Amino acid sequence: MHRRGIFCKRTALQFVSAGCILVAVIRHWSIRNFKSVGEANLALAPLTLFAGANSSGKSTLLQSILLIAQTLAARGTSQTVVLNGYIVKLGQFDDLRNDQSDEDRVHISWTLTPEVVEDRAMLRLRRALSSIDSVSCDVVFGLSDEPVQSEQLNPLLQEFRLGCALRQSSEQEAGESFVRLTRKRVRKSEEELAAPKRARVAVNLDLVVELDEESLEYLRDEYAEALPIGCFLQAFMPTSLVIKFDERRELVKAILGILSGPGRSRYSRNVPLARPVIPEKVYLDIRRCLSLPDTLFPSAEDGKMVTLQDFLELRQSRGRSTFQPEVLSEIESIALSGLPLKHEITTVPVPGRSLDDAVDYTRDFFVRQIKYLGPLREEPKALYPLQHSADPQDVGLHGEHTAAVLHRFRLSEIQYVPPSCFIESSTDTGLKVATLEEAVFEWLRYLDVAASV
């Protein structure tokens, strides 16, 4: 029977030293139509052992985790999933999907529970994650209805869902924010597929973007009548959304925001102050509403366009005096009837309570915290020394530095789960503190592998 495993930092062993960070625990992992596994749903503990006969699916489960890890680590990739990367090589899609199924899709889902210890360097992340109870992800990838050969190595993202469950606190209610992506069956017209002019990478407009009601409401508070129409992806993970919004209503909000309070209101930040977007007639009608002269500074010209800067100067000329609500309501009606209807497209971060933090946290967990211990896939060597530029705690992509790491830190004190916790009659459920060497020997004796090394 093969012994294989994934070492998640601070999951089985915990170094007691300054700057140590406990980042997450995988609580649940599920796969469907993945290699030899038709469907499997696993509840995982901080220490989980996979044991079974050859070809029973142990390696398949681990490979599904490693597939996600190497995909999110591949910065700048245009691939939904990296089937052949620096950790595992899985061939093409037909090699990956279950040969007993007619389904051309593979499903992988998981749930992470964030935990962060005190660490000054992680202050921002700790504050962001303090409100998150768990993060769940569902990834579905596969072939299109009319597949082309390139999809065998670069299958398409069919569905994706990221959910962020929030903790109950005095500042917020418990609940869930989510973003869901679903591949469209019918493409939009060329005009609807027009991407933002300043897009740095190819924008994906072939996915329907859904948000929970609260996140959508938050987005529409920022942008009038905002509608998600696409997203930017890093692999399968959305990094930002593409939205269409009503620029006329944004402009009206900007005008009202300027006139209703000193300085520039928060509502005006989506429209540049110096952008010439307001017809002269609208400006003059608003001045008449405010009982001001019909003189347009600096001079009146046919077809002249004024800017928000003119409204800002108008507001500043009023000093601390404010306009009555009924006057502002009349100004809103004048602006809405006088300004032309126009929609604009822009990019925004993933909205909602902690959704953007959940995206960063999930990527960071799989990139930094997942380590593969074996089996060795390289030609055996007499010694695998640590590289001078390597992290002294890094066991290597294939576990080749494990012996060197164990030797280097053999006298370091660690916290670990002792074997006594797994004895049926034992009442010991706490962590134990000992040197790394003593902890390893205790587990080797318990597993009846060796008395000493």
Protein backbone atom coordinates (compact mmCIF):
# COMPACT_ATOMS: atom_id res chain seq x y z
CA MET A 1 0.00 0.00 0.00
CA HIS A 2 1.36 3.39 -0.98
CA ARG A 3 1.60 6.15 1.58
CA ARG A 4 1.03 9.58 0.09
CA GLY A 5 0.07 12.86 1.65
CA ILE A 6 -0.32 16.58 1.54
CA PHE A 7 1.34 18.66 4.24
CA CYS A 8 -0.62 21.82 5.01
CA LYS A 9 1.51 24.19 7.08
CA ARG A 10 0.34 24.38 10.67
CA THR A 11 -2.18 21.58 10.10
CA ALA A 12 -0.25 18.64 11.55
CA LEU A 13 2.78 20.37 13.05
CA GLN A 14 2.96 23.88 14.47
CA PHE A 15 6.33 25.59 14.96
CA VAL A 16 6.46 27.75 18.08
CA SER A 17 8.40 30.78 16.85
CA ALA A 18 7.86 34.46 16.17
CA GLY A 19 5.94 35.21 13.00
CA CYS A 20 4.21 31.85 12.58
CA ILE A 21 0.85 32.17 10.84
CA LEU A 22 -2.09 29.80 10.98
CA VAL A 23 -3.97 30.46 7.80
CA ALA A 24 -6.67 27.86 7.18
CA VAL A 25 -8.05 24.38 7.48
CA ILE A 26 -9.77 22.51 4.65
CA ARG A 27 -13.06 21.37 6.19
CA HIS A 28 -14.65 19.76 3.16
CA TRP A 29 -13.53 18.49 -0.23
CA SER A 30 -15.71 17.08 -2.99
CA ILE A 31 -15.02 15.79 -6.49
CA ARG A 32 -17.23 14.36 -9.23
CA ASN A 33 -16.36 12.72 -12.52
CA PHE A 34 -12.64 13.07 -11.71
CA LYS A 35 -10.50 10.18 -13.02
CA SER A 36 -11.51 6.94 -11.25
CA VAL A 37 -13.82 8.67 -8.77
CA GLY A 38 -17.43 9.01 -9.82
CA GLU A 39 -18.33 11.11 -6.79
CA ALA A 40 -16.76 11.65 -3.35
CA ASN A 41 -17.63 14.03 -0.51
CA LEU A 42 -15.13 14.17 2.32
CA ALA A 43 -15.25 15.96 5.65
CA LEU A 44 -11.64 16.70 6.61
CA ALA A 45 -10.06 17.30 10.01
CA PRO A 46 -6.84 19.19 10.81
CA LEU A 47 -5.08 15.83 10.49
CA THR A 48 -6.57 13.46 7.91
CA LEU A 49 -5.06 10.16 6.76
CA PHE A 50 -6.04 8.47 3.48
CA ALA A 51 -5.59 4.70 3.67
CA GLY A 52 -6.76 2.05 1.25
CA ALA A 53 -5.85 -0.50 -1.36
CA ASN A 54 -3.97 0.37 -4.53
CA SER A 55 -6.10 2.16 -7.15
CA SER A 56 -8.81 2.94 -4.60
CA GLY A 57 -8.67 6.70 -5.26
CA LYS A 58 -6.19 8.04 -2.67
CA SER A 59 -3.92 9.65 -5.24
CA THR A 60 -6.90 10.93 -7.23
CA LEU A 61 -8.22 12.89 -4.26
CA LEU A 62 -4.80 14.40 -3.62
CA GLN A 63 -4.32 15.21 -7.30
CA SER A 64 -7.57 17.19 -7.33
CA ILE A 65 -6.22 19.38 -4.51
CA LEU A 66 -2.86 19.77 -6.22
CA LEU A 67 -4.60 20.65 -9.51
CA ILE A 68 -6.30 23.61 -7.82
CA ALA A 69 -3.05 24.63 -6.08
CA GLN A 70 -0.90 24.65 -9.22
CA THR A 71 -3.64 26.42 -11.22
CA LEU A 72 -3.93 29.33 -8.77
CA ALA A 73 -0.13 29.53 -8.53
CA ALA A 74 0.19 30.02 -12.30
CA ARG A 75 0.04 33.81 -12.52
CA GLY A 76 -0.96 35.30 -15.84
CA THR A 77 -2.28 32.04 -17.26
CA SER A 78 -5.21 32.06 -19.67
CA GLN A 79 -6.06 28.47 -18.74
CA THR A 80 -9.08 27.65 -16.60
CA VAL A 81 -7.15 24.82 -14.97
CA VAL A 82 -3.48 23.93 -15.46
CA LEU A 83 -3.67 20.21 -16.20
CA ASN A 84 0.08 19.87 -16.64
CA GLY A 85 2.02 22.01 -14.22
CA TYR A 86 4.98 22.01 -11.88
CA ILE A 87 3.36 19.66 -9.33
CA VAL A 88 1.20 17.19 -11.26
CA LYS A 89 0.82 16.26 -14.91
CA LEU A 90 -2.63 14.90 -15.71
CA GLY A 91 -2.55 14.76 -19.52
CA GLN A 92 -5.57 16.08 -21.39
CA PHE A 93 -9.20 16.43 -20.40
CA ASP A 94 -10.26 13.00 -21.71
CA ASP A 95 -7.57 11.49 -19.43
CA LEU A 96 -8.96 13.41 -16.48
CA ARG A 97 -12.68 12.79 -16.63
CA ASN A 98 -14.21 9.54 -15.44
CA ASP A 99 -14.31 7.07 -18.36
CA GLN A 100 -17.48 5.49 -16.96
CA SER A 101 -19.42 8.73 -17.34
CA ASP A 102 -20.84 10.42 -20.42
CA GLU A 103 -20.62 13.84 -18.74
CA ASP A 104 -18.08 16.22 -20.27
CA ARG A 105 -17.60 18.14 -17.03
CA VAL A 106 -15.50 17.77 -13.90
CA HIS A 107 -16.70 19.15 -10.55
CA ILE A 108 -14.40 20.15 -7.66
CA SER A 109 -15.63 21.93 -4.55
CA TRP A 110 -14.24 22.73 -1.12
CA THR A 111 -14.77 24.68 2.09
CA LEU A 112 -12.02 26.53 3.97
CA THR A 113 -12.13 27.88 7.51
CA PRO A 114 -9.75 30.81 8.01
CA GLU A 115 -7.77 31.08 11.22
CA VAL A 116 -5.10 33.73 11.75
CA VAL A 117 -2.94 34.05 14.86
CA GLU A 118 -1.49 37.30 16.17
CA ASP A 119 1.07 38.62 13.72
CA ARG A 120 1.83 42.28 12.97
CA ALA A 121 2.77 41.54 9.37
CA MET A 122 -0.68 40.02 8.78
CA LEU A 123 -2.70 42.80 10.45
CA ARG A 124 -4.75 43.72 7.36
CA LEU A 125 -5.53 40.10 6.50
CA ARG A 126 -6.37 39.27 10.12
CA ARG A 127 -8.86 42.14 10.30
CA ALA A 128 -10.42 41.18 6.97
CA LEU A 129 -10.77 37.51 7.91
CA SER A 130 -12.04 38.17 11.42
CA SER A 131 -15.58 38.52 10.04
CA ILE A 132 -15.38 35.43 7.78
CA ASP A 133 -16.61 32.10 9.14
CA SER A 134 -15.87 30.01 6.04
CA VAL A 135 -15.21 30.27 2.30
CA SER A 136 -16.71 27.75 -0.10
CA CYS A 137 -15.88 27.28 -3.78
CA ASP A 138 -17.40 25.19 -6.57
CA VAL A 139 -15.54 24.82 -9.87
CA VAL A 140 -16.99 23.07 -12.91
CA PHE A 141 -14.89 22.82 -16.07
CA GLY A 142 -15.16 20.81 -19.26
CA LEU A 143 -15.76 20.85 -22.99
CA SER A 144 -18.13 23.09 -24.94
CA ASP A 145 -21.19 21.79 -26.82
CA GLU A 146 -19.08 21.81 -30.00
CA PRO A 147 -15.58 21.20 -28.62
CA VAL A 148 -12.39 22.03 -30.47
CA GLN A 149 -9.08 20.20 -30.00
CA SER A 150 -7.53 22.99 -27.92
CA GLU A 151 -10.13 22.41 -25.20
CA GLN A 152 -8.50 19.08 -24.38
CA LEU A 153 -5.55 20.93 -22.84
CA ASN A 154 -7.47 24.08 -21.93
CA PRO A 155 -11.01 23.08 -20.89
CA LEU A 156 -13.56 25.85 -20.46
CA LEU A 157 -14.90 27.15 -17.18
CA GLN A 158 -18.57 26.12 -17.18
CA GLU A 159 -19.61 27.19 -13.70
CA PHE A 160 -17.99 28.80 -10.67
CA ARG A 161 -19.39 29.83 -7.32
CA LEU A 162 -17.57 31.47 -4.41
CA GLY A 163 -19.51 31.89 -1.18
CA CYS A 164 -18.39 33.73 1.93
CA ALA A 165 -20.20 32.88 5.17
CA LEU A 166 -19.97 35.72 7.70
CA ARG A 167 -19.77 35.47 11.47
CA GLN A 168 -22.43 36.96 13.73
CA SER A 169 -21.11 39.97 15.61
CA SER A 170 -22.25 43.22 17.19
CA GLU A 171 -21.39 45.02 13.93
CA GLN A 172 -22.94 42.62 11.42
CA GLU A 173 -25.50 39.88 11.05
CA ALA A 174 -24.59 36.37 10.01
CA GLY A 175 -25.19 35.66 6.34
CA GLU A 176 -23.57 34.69 3.05
CA SER A 177 -22.26 36.74 0.18
CA PHE A 178 -21.62 34.98 -3.12
CA VAL A 179 -20.61 35.46 -6.72
CA ARG A 180 -21.63 32.89 -9.34
CA LEU A 181 -20.40 32.54 -12.92
CA THR A 182 -22.24 30.46 -15.52
CA ARG A 183 -21.22 30.01 -19.14
CA LYS A 184 -23.73 31.40 -21.61
CA ARG A 185 -25.37 29.21 -24.21
CA VAL A 186 -26.03 32.14 -26.57
CA ARG A 187 -23.50 34.87 -27.27
CA LYS A 188 -24.41 38.56 -27.22
CA SER A 189 -24.06 40.91 -30.17
CA GLU A 190 -20.73 42.52 -30.99
CA GLU A 191 -21.85 45.85 -29.52
CA GLU A 192 -22.80 44.25 -26.21
CA LEU A 193 -19.48 42.42 -26.10
CA ALA A 194 -17.47 45.66 -26.34
CA ALA A 195 -14.78 45.51 -23.65
CA PRO A 196 -13.54 48.48 -21.57
CA LYS A 197 -11.01 50.57 -23.48
CA ARG A 198 -8.38 50.30 -20.75
CA ALA A 199 -8.64 46.55 -20.20
CA ARG A 200 -5.19 45.16 -19.45
CA VAL A 201 -6.10 41.54 -20.17
CA ALA A 202 -8.80 39.82 -22.16
CA VAL A 203 -12.14 40.30 -20.43
CA ASN A 204 -14.50 37.34 -20.24
CA LEU A 205 -17.98 38.30 -21.40
CA ASP A 206 -19.14 34.73 -22.07
CA LEU A 207 -20.07 34.19 -18.42
CA VAL A 208 -23.27 35.27 -16.72
CA VAL A 209 -22.36 36.98 -13.41
CA GLU A 210 -24.75 36.62 -10.47
CA LEU A 211 -24.42 38.26 -7.05
CA ASP A 212 -26.38 37.85 -3.86
CA GLU A 213 -29.02 40.51 -3.30
CA GLU A 214 -27.02 42.44 -0.70
CA SER A 215 -23.85 42.55 -2.86
CA LEU A 216 -25.86 43.70 -5.89
CA GLU A 217 -27.49 46.41 -3.78
CA TYR A 218 -24.07 47.52 -2.55
CA LEU A 219 -22.86 47.70 -6.17
CA ARG A 220 -25.87 49.78 -7.20
CA ASP A 221 -25.28 52.16 -4.32
CA GLU A 222 -21.92 52.86 -5.91
CA TYR A 223 -23.05 52.86 -9.56
CA ALA A 224 -26.57 53.76 -10.68
CA GLU A 225 -28.49 50.76 -12.07
CA ALA A 226 -25.27 48.74 -12.24
CA LEU A 227 -25.49 45.45 -14.13
CA PRO A 228 -22.61 42.93 -14.18
CA ILE A 229 -21.92 41.88 -17.78
CA GLY A 230 -18.57 40.09 -17.47
CA CYS A 231 -15.45 39.61 -15.42
CA PHE A 232 -11.69 39.36 -15.42
CA LEU A 233 -10.41 35.92 -14.47
CA GLN A 234 -7.20 34.53 -13.08
CA ALA A 235 -7.68 30.90 -14.04
CA PHE A 236 -11.22 30.22 -12.72
CA MET A 237 -11.15 32.92 -10.00
CA PRO A 238 -12.81 36.30 -10.71
CA THR A 239 -10.46 39.17 -9.82
CA SER A 240 -12.83 41.99 -10.85
CA LEU A 241 -16.17 42.50 -12.55
CA VAL A 242 -17.16 44.39 -15.69
CA ILE A 243 -20.35 46.37 -15.15
CA LYS A 244 -22.65 48.56 -17.23
CA PHE A 245 -24.19 51.54 -15.45
CA ASP A 246 -26.44 54.53 -16.15
CA GLU A 247 -24.05 57.47 -16.57
CA ARG A 248 -26.93 59.96 -16.60
CA ARG A 249 -28.06 58.97 -13.11
CA GLU A 250 -24.45 58.94 -11.91
CA LEU A 251 -24.10 62.50 -13.19
CA VAL A 252 -27.33 63.52 -11.44
CA LYS A 253 -26.06 61.97 -8.20
CA ALA A 254 -22.81 63.91 -8.62
CA ILE A 255 -24.65 67.22 -9.12
CA LEU A 256 -26.92 66.63 -6.11
CA GLY A 257 -23.97 65.50 -4.03
CA ILE A 258 -22.06 68.68 -4.78
CA LEU A 259 -25.02 71.00 -4.17
CA SER A 260 -26.21 69.29 -0.99
CA GLY A 261 -22.99 69.49 0.99
CA PRO A 262 -19.65 71.29 1.30
CA GLY A 263 -16.88 70.07 -0.96
CA ARG A 264 -17.12 67.18 -3.34
CA SER A 265 -19.60 64.48 -2.33
CA ARG A 266 -18.77 60.79 -2.45
CA TYR A 267 -21.39 60.45 -5.16
CA SER A 268 -19.33 62.43 -7.66
CA ARG A 269 -16.24 60.25 -7.71
CA ASN A 270 -17.49 58.10 -10.63
CA VAL A 271 -17.67 61.18 -12.90
CA PRO A 272 -14.59 63.39 -13.49
CA LEU A 273 -14.98 67.00 -12.32
CA ALA A 274 -13.49 68.42 -15.52
CA ARG A 275 -15.40 66.25 -17.97
CA PRO A 276 -17.64 68.41 -20.25
CA VAL A 277 -20.87 66.43 -20.05
CA ILE A 278 -23.58 68.92 -19.03
CA PRO A 279 -25.51 70.93 -21.67
CA GLU A 280 -25.79 74.67 -21.13
CA LYS A 281 -29.61 74.54 -20.98
CA VAL A 282 -29.56 72.10 -18.05
CA TYR A 283 -27.10 74.29 -16.19
CA LEU A 284 -29.16 77.46 -16.79
CA ASP A 285 -32.40 75.75 -15.74
CA ILE A 286 -30.74 74.67 -12.49
CA ARG A 287 -29.50 78.24 -11.87
CA ARG A 288 -33.05 79.55 -12.42
CA CYS A 289 -34.32 76.95 -9.95
CA LEU A 290 -31.83 78.34 -7.45
CA SER A 291 -32.99 81.91 -8.25
CA LEU A 292 -29.59 82.85 -9.67
CA PRO A 293 -28.93 85.08 -12.74
CA ASP A 294 -28.90 83.48 -16.19
CA THR A 295 -25.26 84.41 -16.68
CA LEU A 296 -23.10 81.44 -17.56
CA PHE A 297 -19.49 81.99 -16.63
CA PRO A 298 -17.05 82.58 -18.16
CA SER A 299 -19.16 83.42 -21.26
CA ALA A 300 -22.30 82.14 -22.94
CA GLU A 301 -21.79 80.33 -26.21
CA ASP A 302 -24.18 78.29 -28.31
CA GLY A 303 -23.88 74.61 -27.50
CA LYS A 304 -21.47 75.24 -24.61
CA MET A 305 -20.91 72.28 -22.27
CA VAL A 306 -20.28 72.97 -18.62
CA THR A 307 -18.65 70.62 -16.14
CA LEU A 308 -19.08 69.50 -12.55
CA GLN A 309 -16.33 71.98 -11.70
CA ASP A 310 -18.83 74.76 -12.49
CA PHE A 311 -21.31 73.24 -10.01
CA LEU A 312 -18.56 72.95 -7.42
CA GLU A 313 -17.73 76.65 -7.81
CA LEU A 314 -21.44 77.43 -7.64
CA ARG A 315 -21.72 75.50 -4.38
CA GLN A 316 -18.63 77.15 -2.90
CA SER A 317 -20.10 80.57 -3.66
CA ARG A 318 -23.00 79.71 -1.33
CA GLY A 319 -20.68 79.33 1.67
CA ARG A 320 -22.21 77.21 4.43
CA SER A 321 -25.83 77.81 3.41
CA THR A 322 -27.69 74.72 2.19
CA PHE A 323 -30.46 74.10 -0.32
CA GLN A 324 -33.85 72.87 0.83
CA PRO A 325 -34.81 69.23 0.02
CA GLU A 326 -37.67 70.33 -2.26
CA VAL A 327 -35.21 72.47 -4.25
CA LEU A 328 -32.82 69.52 -4.65
CA SER A 329 -35.76 67.33 -5.75
CA GLU A 330 -36.67 69.87 -8.44
CA ILE A 331 -33.02 70.01 -9.57
CA GLU A 332 -33.02 66.22 -9.88
CA SER A 333 -36.09 66.35 -12.15
CA ILE A 334 -34.51 69.07 -14.31
CA ALA A 335 -31.27 67.11 -14.72
CA LEU A 336 -32.98 63.78 -15.47
CA SER A 337 -35.20 65.33 -18.15
CA GLY A 338 -32.43 67.42 -19.70
CA LEU A 339 -29.52 64.99 -19.80
CA PRO A 340 -29.37 62.32 -22.53
CA LEU A 341 -29.64 58.66 -21.52
CA LYS A 342 -26.21 57.06 -21.75
CA HIS A 343 -24.65 53.85 -20.43
CA GLU A 344 -20.99 53.38 -19.63
CA ILE A 345 -18.83 50.32 -18.90
CA THR A 346 -16.22 50.10 -16.16
CA THR A 347 -14.42 47.56 -13.99
CA VAL A 348 -14.92 47.20 -10.24
CA PRO A 349 -13.58 44.87 -7.52
CA VAL A 350 -15.76 41.91 -6.59
CA PRO A 351 -18.39 43.65 -4.40
CA GLY A 352 -20.13 42.50 -1.24
CA ARG A 353 -19.19 41.92 2.36
CA SER A 354 -15.68 40.40 2.34
CA LEU A 355 -16.04 38.75 -1.10
CA ASP A 356 -12.92 40.46 -2.43
CA ASP A 357 -10.99 39.36 0.70
CA ALA A 358 -12.30 35.81 0.25
CA VAL A 359 -10.92 35.70 -3.31
CA ASP A 360 -7.47 36.87 -2.14
CA TYR A 361 -7.51 34.53 0.85
CA THR A 362 -8.44 31.45 -1.22
CA ARG A 363 -5.69 32.13 -3.75
CA ASP A 364 -3.14 32.76 -1.00
CA PHE A 365 -4.05 29.56 0.82
CA PHE A 366 -3.59 27.27 -2.18
CA VAL A 367 -0.46 29.05 -3.41
CA ARG A 368 1.38 29.34 -0.08
CA GLN A 369 0.03 26.67 2.23
CA ILE A 370 -0.28 23.46 0.18
CA LYS A 371 2.91 21.35 0.13
CA TYR A 372 3.27 17.97 -1.54
CA LEU A 373 5.37 15.37 0.27
CA GLY A 374 5.57 12.64 -2.33
CA PRO A 375 5.95 10.20 -3.77
CA LEU A 376 9.29 11.12 -5.36
CA ARG A 377 8.95 11.29 -9.13
CA GLU A 378 12.59 12.09 -9.79
CA GLU A 379 15.63 9.86 -10.10
CA PRO A 380 16.69 8.96 -6.52
CA LYS A 381 19.71 10.83 -5.18
CA ALA A 382 21.98 10.08 -2.25
CA LEU A 383 21.25 13.46 -0.70
CA TYR A 384 18.80 16.29 -1.28
CA PRO A 385 20.53 19.30 0.30
CA LEU A 386 18.70 22.53 1.02
CA GLN A 387 19.34 25.27 -1.53
CA HIS A 388 20.82 28.49 -0.13
CA SER A 389 17.99 30.54 -1.63
CA ALA A 390 15.25 28.20 -0.45
CA ASP A 391 12.86 28.68 2.45
CA PRO A 392 14.49 26.64 5.26
CA GLN A 393 11.07 25.17 6.11
CA ASP A 394 10.19 24.29 2.50
CA VAL A 395 10.17 20.52 1.99
CA GLY A 396 10.26 20.92 -1.81
CA LEU A 397 7.70 20.27 -4.51
CA HIS A 398 8.08 16.51 -4.19
CA GLY A 399 9.28 16.27 -0.61
CA GLU A 400 12.92 16.03 -1.68
CA HIS A 401 14.06 18.36 1.13
CA THR A 402 12.07 16.63 3.88
CA ALA A 403 15.08 14.89 5.47
CA ALA A 404 17.13 18.10 5.45
CA VAL A 405 14.28 20.13 6.98
CA LEU A 406 13.66 17.50 9.69
CA HIS A 407 17.38 17.41 10.52
CA ARG A 408 17.76 21.19 10.58
CA PHE A 409 14.81 21.73 12.91
CA ARG A 410 15.08 18.51 14.93
CA LEU A 411 15.69 20.43 18.18
CA SER A 412 13.04 23.10 17.55
CA GLU A 413 10.04 23.05 19.86
CA ILE A 414 6.72 22.45 18.13
CA GLN A 415 3.08 21.96 19.03
CA TYR A 416 1.62 18.78 17.59
CA VAL A 417 -1.24 16.33 17.90
CA PRO A 418 0.14 13.37 19.90
CA PRO A 419 -0.79 9.74 19.08
CA SER A 420 -2.40 9.46 22.50
CA CYS A 421 -5.36 11.47 21.16
CA PHE A 422 -6.22 8.54 18.89
CA ILE A 423 -6.21 5.86 21.57
CA GLU A 424 -9.84 4.85 22.16
CA SER A 425 -9.66 4.97 25.95
CA SER A 426 -7.65 8.19 26.07
CA THR A 427 -9.09 11.42 27.39
CA ASP A 428 -6.18 13.48 26.05
CA THR A 429 -7.47 15.90 23.38
CA GLY A 430 -4.93 18.71 23.68
CA LEU A 431 -1.79 19.65 21.77
CA LYS A 432 1.61 18.60 23.08
CA VAL A 433 4.86 20.57 23.11
CA ALA A 434 8.13 18.77 22.36
CA THR A 435 11.08 18.93 19.99
CA LEU A 436 10.43 18.05 16.36
CA GLU A 437 12.68 14.99 16.72
CA GLU A 438 10.74 13.68 19.73
CA ALA A 439 7.41 14.28 17.97
CA VAL A 440 8.47 12.42 14.82
CA PHE A 441 9.86 9.47 16.81
CA GLU A 442 6.64 9.28 18.87
CA TRP A 443 4.56 9.03 15.71
CA LEU A 444 6.95 6.52 14.09
CA ARG A 445 6.66 4.26 17.13
CA TYR A 446 2.87 4.63 17.23
CA LEU A 447 2.58 3.71 13.52
CA ASP A 448 4.97 0.81 14.13
CA VAL A 449 7.30 2.12 11.41
CA ALA A 450 10.50 2.47 13.42
CA ALA A 451 11.66 2.79 17.03
CA SER A 452 14.29 5.40 16.14
CA VAL A 453 16.19 6.82 13.19
